[in-house]
C-alpha atoms as a PDB file:
ATOM      1  CA  MET A   1       9.242   9.996  11.962  1.00  0.00           C
ATOM      2  CA  ALA A   2       5.588  10.894  11.111  1.00  0.00           C
ATOM      3  CA  SER A   3       2.808  11.344  13.669  1.00  0.00           C
ATOM      4  CA  ILE A   4      -0.545   9.753  12.875  1.00  0.00           C
ATOM      5  CA  THR A   5      -3.553   8.757  14.944  1.00  0.00           C
ATOM      6  CA  LEU A   6      -5.438   5.614  15.646  1.00  0.00           C
ATOM      7  CA  LYS A   7      -9.009   6.673  17.051  1.00  0.00           C
ATOM      8  CA  GLY A   8      -7.695   9.974  17.884  1.00  0.00           C
ATOM      9  CA  ASN A   9      -4.718   8.573  19.796  1.00  0.00           C
ATOM     10  CA  THR A  10      -1.239   9.715  18.607  1.00  0.00           C
ATOM     11  CA  ILE A  11       1.133   6.967  17.280  1.00  0.00           C
ATOM     12  CA  HIS A  12       4.164   7.106  15.206  1.00  0.00           C
ATOM     13  CA  THR A  13       5.831   5.642  12.013  1.00  0.00           C
ATOM     14  CA  SER A  14       9.379   4.751  11.333  1.00  0.00           C
ATOM     15  CA  GLY A  15       9.977   7.551   8.978  1.00  0.00           C
ATOM     16  CA  GLU A  16       8.456   9.606   6.238  1.00  0.00           C
ATOM     17  CA  LEU A  17       6.966   8.482   2.824  1.00  0.00           C
ATOM     18  CA  PRO A  18       9.103   8.942  -0.289  1.00  0.00           C
ATOM     19  CA  LYS A  19       8.467  12.532  -1.625  1.00  0.00           C
ATOM     20  CA  VAL A  20       6.942  13.543  -4.919  1.00  0.00           C
ATOM     21  CA  GLY A  21       9.556  13.665  -7.509  1.00  0.00           C
ATOM     22  CA  GLU A  22      11.821  11.123  -5.826  1.00  0.00           C
ATOM     23  CA  LYS A  23      12.653   7.701  -7.142  1.00  0.00           C
ATOM     24  CA  ALA A  24      10.815   5.135  -5.046  1.00  0.00           C
ATOM     25  CA  PRO A  25      12.995   2.574  -3.173  1.00  0.00           C
ATOM     26  CA  ASN A  26      12.925  -0.883  -4.678  1.00  0.00           C
ATOM     27  CA  PHE A  27      11.269  -3.655  -2.697  1.00  0.00           C
ATOM     28  CA  GLU A  28      11.069  -7.391  -2.317  1.00  0.00           C
ATOM     29  CA  LEU A  29       7.694  -8.482  -1.411  1.00  0.00           C
ATOM     30  CA  VAL A  30       5.935 -11.940  -1.297  1.00  0.00           C
ATOM     31  CA  SER A  31       3.264 -12.755  -3.878  1.00  0.00           C
ATOM     32  CA  LYS A  32       0.271 -15.144  -3.397  1.00  0.00           C
ATOM     33  CA  ASP A  33       2.408 -18.007  -4.934  1.00  0.00           C
ATOM     34  CA  LEU A  34       5.253 -17.173  -2.399  1.00  0.00           C
ATOM     35  CA  SER A  35       7.493 -15.810  -5.191  1.00  0.00           C
ATOM     36  CA  THR A  36       9.389 -12.505  -4.746  1.00  0.00           C
ATOM     37  CA  ALA A  37       7.912  -9.427  -6.395  1.00  0.00           C
ATOM     38  CA  LYS A  38      10.165  -6.444  -6.903  1.00  0.00           C
ATOM     39  CA  LEU A  39       9.405  -2.928  -7.936  1.00  0.00           C
ATOM     40  CA  GLU A  40      11.614  -3.425 -11.086  1.00  0.00           C
ATOM     41  CA  ASP A  41       9.064  -6.064 -12.155  1.00  0.00           C
ATOM     42  CA  TYR A  42       6.640  -3.382 -12.860  1.00  0.00           C
ATOM     43  CA  GLU A  43       8.861  -1.039 -14.735  1.00  0.00           C
ATOM     44  CA  GLY A  44       7.120   0.515 -17.740  1.00  0.00           C
ATOM     45  CA  ASN A  45       3.736   0.536 -15.793  1.00  0.00           C
ATOM     46  CA  ARG A  46       2.435   3.104 -13.634  1.00  0.00           C
ATOM     47  CA  VAL A  47       2.001   1.676 -10.156  1.00  0.00           C
ATOM     48  CA  VAL A  48      -0.451   2.582  -7.308  1.00  0.00           C
ATOM     49  CA  LEU A  49       0.832   1.280  -3.917  1.00  0.00           C
ATOM     50  CA  ASN A  50      -2.250   0.798  -1.588  1.00  0.00           C
ATOM     51  CA  ILE A  51      -0.509   0.198   1.743  1.00  0.00           C
ATOM     52  CA  PHE A  52      -2.624  -0.677   4.859  1.00  0.00           C
ATOM     53  CA  PRO A  53      -2.366  -2.498   8.262  1.00  0.00           C
ATOM     54  CA  SER A  54      -4.455  -5.526   7.576  1.00  0.00           C
ATOM     55  CA  VAL A  55      -6.978  -6.726   4.895  1.00  0.00           C
ATOM     56  CA  ASP A  56      -9.001  -8.179   7.889  1.00  0.00           C
ATOM     57  CA  THR A  57     -10.190  -4.724   8.943  1.00  0.00           C
ATOM     58  CA  GLY A  58     -13.141  -2.789   7.599  1.00  0.00           C
ATOM     59  CA  VAL A  59     -11.327   0.137   6.311  1.00  0.00           C
ATOM     60  CA  CYS A  60      -8.295  -1.768   4.845  1.00  0.00           C
ATOM     61  CA  ALA A  61     -10.877  -3.978   2.947  1.00  0.00           C
ATOM     62  CA  ALA A  62     -12.838  -1.056   1.721  1.00  0.00           C
ATOM     63  CA  SER A  63      -9.563   0.400   0.204  1.00  0.00           C
ATOM     64  CA  VAL A  64      -8.789  -2.826  -1.639  1.00  0.00           C
ATOM     65  CA  ARG A  65     -12.439  -2.908  -2.910  1.00  0.00           C
ATOM     66  CA  GLU A  66     -12.348   0.707  -4.033  1.00  0.00           C
ATOM     67  CA  PHE A  67      -9.016   0.357  -5.939  1.00  0.00           C
ATOM     68  CA  ASN A  68     -10.245  -2.868  -7.419  1.00  0.00           C
ATOM     69  CA  LYS A  69     -13.231  -1.023  -8.938  1.00  0.00           C
ATOM     70  CA  VAL A  70     -11.050   1.540 -10.617  1.00  0.00           C
ATOM     71  CA  ALA A  71      -8.008  -0.649 -11.375  1.00  0.00           C
ATOM     72  CA  GLY A  72      -9.498  -2.330 -14.429  1.00  0.00           C
ATOM     73  CA  ASP A  73     -10.049   1.063 -16.070  1.00  0.00           C
ATOM     74  CA  LEU A  74      -6.710   2.483 -15.532  1.00  0.00           C
ATOM     75  CA  GLU A  75      -4.382   2.388 -18.548  1.00  0.00           C
ATOM     76  CA  ASN A  76      -0.999   0.921 -18.103  1.00  0.00           C
ATOM     77  CA  THR A  77      -1.351   0.936 -14.335  1.00  0.00           C
ATOM     78  CA  LYS A  78      -1.003  -1.853 -11.790  1.00  0.00           C
ATOM     79  CA  VAL A  79      -2.537  -1.596  -8.303  1.00  0.00           C
ATOM     80  CA  LEU A  80      -0.571  -3.308  -5.587  1.00  0.00           C
ATOM     81  CA  CYS A  81      -2.247  -3.931  -2.162  1.00  0.00           C
ATOM     82  CA  ILE A  82       0.387  -4.236   0.433  1.00  0.00           C
ATOM     83  CA  SER A  83       0.203  -5.337   4.047  1.00  0.00           C
ATOM     84  CA  ARG A  84       2.096  -7.673   6.514  1.00  0.00           C
ATOM     85  CA  ASP A  85      -0.756 -10.003   6.170  1.00  0.00           C
ATOM     86  CA  LEU A  86       0.253 -13.485   5.022  1.00  0.00           C
ATOM     87  CA  PRO A  87      -0.315 -13.922   1.284  1.00  0.00           C
ATOM     88  CA  PHE A  88      -2.827 -16.687   2.047  1.00  0.00           C
ATOM     89  CA  ALA A  89      -5.005 -14.298   3.969  1.00  0.00           C
ATOM     90  CA  GLN A  90      -4.881 -11.680   1.109  1.00  0.00           C
ATOM     91  CA  ASP A  91      -5.617 -14.227  -1.482  1.00  0.00           C
ATOM     92  CA  ARG A  92      -8.593 -15.642   0.546  1.00  0.00           C
ATOM     93  CA  PHE A  93      -9.999 -12.148   0.994  1.00  0.00           C
ATOM     94  CA  CYS A  94      -9.714 -11.202  -2.778  1.00  0.00           C
ATOM     95  CA  GLY A  95     -11.085 -14.668  -3.781  1.00  0.00           C
ATOM     96  CA  ALA A  96     -14.124 -14.400  -1.415  1.00  0.00           C
ATOM     97  CA  GLU A  97     -14.868 -10.883  -2.641  1.00  0.00           C
ATOM     98  CA  GLY A  98     -14.327 -11.613  -6.309  1.00  0.00           C
ATOM     99  CA  LEU A  99     -11.538  -9.025  -6.674  1.00  0.00           C
ATOM    100  CA  GLN A 100      -9.405  -9.658  -9.641  1.00  0.00           C
ATOM    101  CA  ASN A 101      -7.995  -6.203 -10.692  1.00  0.00           C
ATOM    102  CA  VAL A 102      -5.511  -5.690  -7.782  1.00  0.00           C
ATOM    103  CA  ILE A 103      -2.361  -7.605  -7.006  1.00  0.00           C
ATOM    104  CA  ASN A 104      -1.604  -8.463  -3.476  1.00  0.00           C
ATOM    105  CA  HIS A 105       1.832  -8.497  -1.991  1.00  0.00           C
ATOM    106  CA  SER A 106       3.011  -9.149   1.557  1.00  0.00           C
ATOM    107  CA  ASP A 107       5.778  -7.671   3.603  1.00  0.00           C
ATOM    108  CA  PHE A 108       5.513 -10.377   6.238  1.00  0.00           C
ATOM    109  CA  LYS A 109       9.093 -11.975   5.630  1.00  0.00           C
ATOM    110  CA  THR A 110      11.382  -9.052   6.473  1.00  0.00           C
ATOM    111  CA  GLY A 111       9.391  -5.884   6.956  1.00  0.00           C
ATOM    112  CA  LYS A 112      11.902  -4.134   4.813  1.00  0.00           C
ATOM    113  CA  PHE A 113       9.360  -2.516   2.648  1.00  0.00           C
ATOM    114  CA  GLY A 114       7.734  -0.808   5.666  1.00  0.00           C
ATOM    115  CA  LYS A 115      11.150   0.434   6.901  1.00  0.00           C
ATOM    116  CA  ASP A 116      12.188   1.570   3.541  1.00  0.00           C
ATOM    117  CA  TYR A 117       9.051   3.427   2.815  1.00  0.00           C
ATOM    118  CA  GLY A 118       8.971   4.892   6.381  1.00  0.00           C
ATOM    119  CA  LEU A 119       5.551   3.579   7.308  1.00  0.00           C
ATOM    120  CA  ASP A 120       6.039   0.956  10.003  1.00  0.00           C
ATOM    121  CA  ILE A 121       4.100   1.743  13.049  1.00  0.00           C
ATOM    122  CA  VAL A 122       6.408   1.856  15.931  1.00  0.00           C
ATOM    123  CA  ASP A 123       4.210   2.228  18.965  1.00  0.00           C
ATOM    124  CA  GLY A 124       0.663   1.736  20.061  1.00  0.00           C
ATOM    125  CA  PRO A 125      -1.635  -1.285  19.550  1.00  0.00           C
ATOM    126  CA  LEU A 126      -0.829  -1.706  15.766  1.00  0.00           C
ATOM    127  CA  GLU A 127       2.917  -1.631  16.343  1.00  0.00           C
ATOM    128  CA  GLY A 128       4.800  -3.719  13.643  1.00  0.00           C
ATOM    129  CA  LEU A 129       2.056  -3.304  11.071  1.00  0.00           C
ATOM    130  CA  HIS A 130       2.160  -0.742   8.294  1.00  0.00           C
ATOM    131  CA  SER A 131       0.353   2.612   8.382  1.00  0.00           C
ATOM    132  CA  ARG A 132      -2.332   3.478   5.787  1.00  0.00           C
ATOM    133  CA  ALA A 133      -0.795   5.204   2.843  1.00  0.00           C
ATOM    134  CA  VAL A 134      -1.084   5.449  -0.963  1.00  0.00           C
ATOM    135  CA  VAL A 135       1.967   6.052  -3.231  1.00  0.00           C
ATOM    136  CA  VAL A 136       1.512   6.523  -6.919  1.00  0.00           C
ATOM    137  CA  LEU A 137       4.541   5.947  -9.235  1.00  0.00           C
ATOM    138  CA  ASP A 138       5.163   6.644 -12.872  1.00  0.00           C
ATOM    139  CA  GLU A 139       6.451   4.225 -15.362  1.00  0.00           C
ATOM    140  CA  LYS A 140      10.092   4.790 -14.116  1.00  0.00           C
ATOM    141  CA  GLY A 141       9.359   4.462 -10.384  1.00  0.00           C
ATOM    142  CA  ILE A 142       9.249   8.282  -9.672  1.00  0.00           C
ATOM    143  CA  VAL A 143       6.739   9.284  -7.061  1.00  0.00           C
ATOM    144  CA  LEU A 144       3.831  11.290  -8.349  1.00  0.00           C
ATOM    145  CA  HIS A 145       1.685  11.285  -5.357  1.00  0.00           C
ATOM    146  CA  ALA A 146       2.285  10.154  -1.563  1.00  0.00           C
ATOM    147  CA  GLU A 147      -0.460  10.302   1.073  1.00  0.00           C
ATOM    148  CA  GLN A 148       0.204   9.203   4.686  1.00  0.00           C
ATOM    149  CA  VAL A 149      -3.273   8.990   5.853  1.00  0.00           C
ATOM    150  CA  PRO A 150      -3.396  10.911   9.205  1.00  0.00           C
ATOM    151  CA  GLU A 151      -6.063   8.784  10.926  1.00  0.00           C
ATOM    152  CA  ILE A 152      -5.753   5.023  10.421  1.00  0.00           C
ATOM    153  CA  THR A 153      -9.557   4.463  10.798  1.00  0.00           C
ATOM    154  CA  GLN A 154     -10.109   6.828   7.704  1.00  0.00           C
ATOM    155  CA  GLU A 155      -9.870   5.714   3.947  1.00  0.00           C
ATOM    156  CA  PRO A 156      -7.284   7.321   1.777  1.00  0.00           C
ATOM    157  CA  ASN A 157      -8.182  10.125  -0.654  1.00  0.00           C
ATOM    158  CA  TYR A 158      -8.852   8.114  -3.716  1.00  0.00           C
ATOM    159  CA  SER A 159      -9.570  10.934  -5.969  1.00  0.00           C
ATOM    160  CA  ASP A 160      -6.368  12.778  -5.188  1.00  0.00           C
ATOM    161  CA  ALA A 161      -4.378   9.481  -5.776  1.00  0.00           C
ATOM    162  CA  LEU A 162      -6.119   8.806  -9.172  1.00  0.00           C
ATOM    163  CA  LYS A 163      -5.966  12.395 -10.284  1.00  0.00           C
ATOM    164  CA  VAL A 164      -2.151  12.050 -11.019  1.00  0.00           C
ATOM    165  CA  LEU A 165      -2.932   9.163 -13.358  1.00  0.00           C
ATOM    166  CA  SER A 166      -5.263  11.151 -15.650  1.00  0.00           C
END
């Protein structure tokens, strides 16, 4: 269990993020067309997992915009934006913003992704949503970078996440 804060108040997650050097757990998430997306679908590509509570909040939206800006320039890399939002909300947001370089996936059906990656919020007002985190994987699904953002109202450290891809 990790301790993080929401506006300075301590809350907890269901576990710890996968560690650098470990194989990332596989996942089954829902894509915008309601098909199932799995980690193995991205094998052979580097993958940035941009994980957040909800695209309908300012900081979460900012992270999607920021990763969208850089995603088009990243060689052999897919940026996945993951939340428990419905796929329709994720798609609506990216459509309204003109964001085409990131791929949205939802954990709304089972929540298993959040549990397997140790980032479900287990108490406080955002209980049941995912904490803000960034996990970067190599072409074989090995963790290169993992950041559990300590304060939910803060953006992730983009430069640290992207540095491992250079």
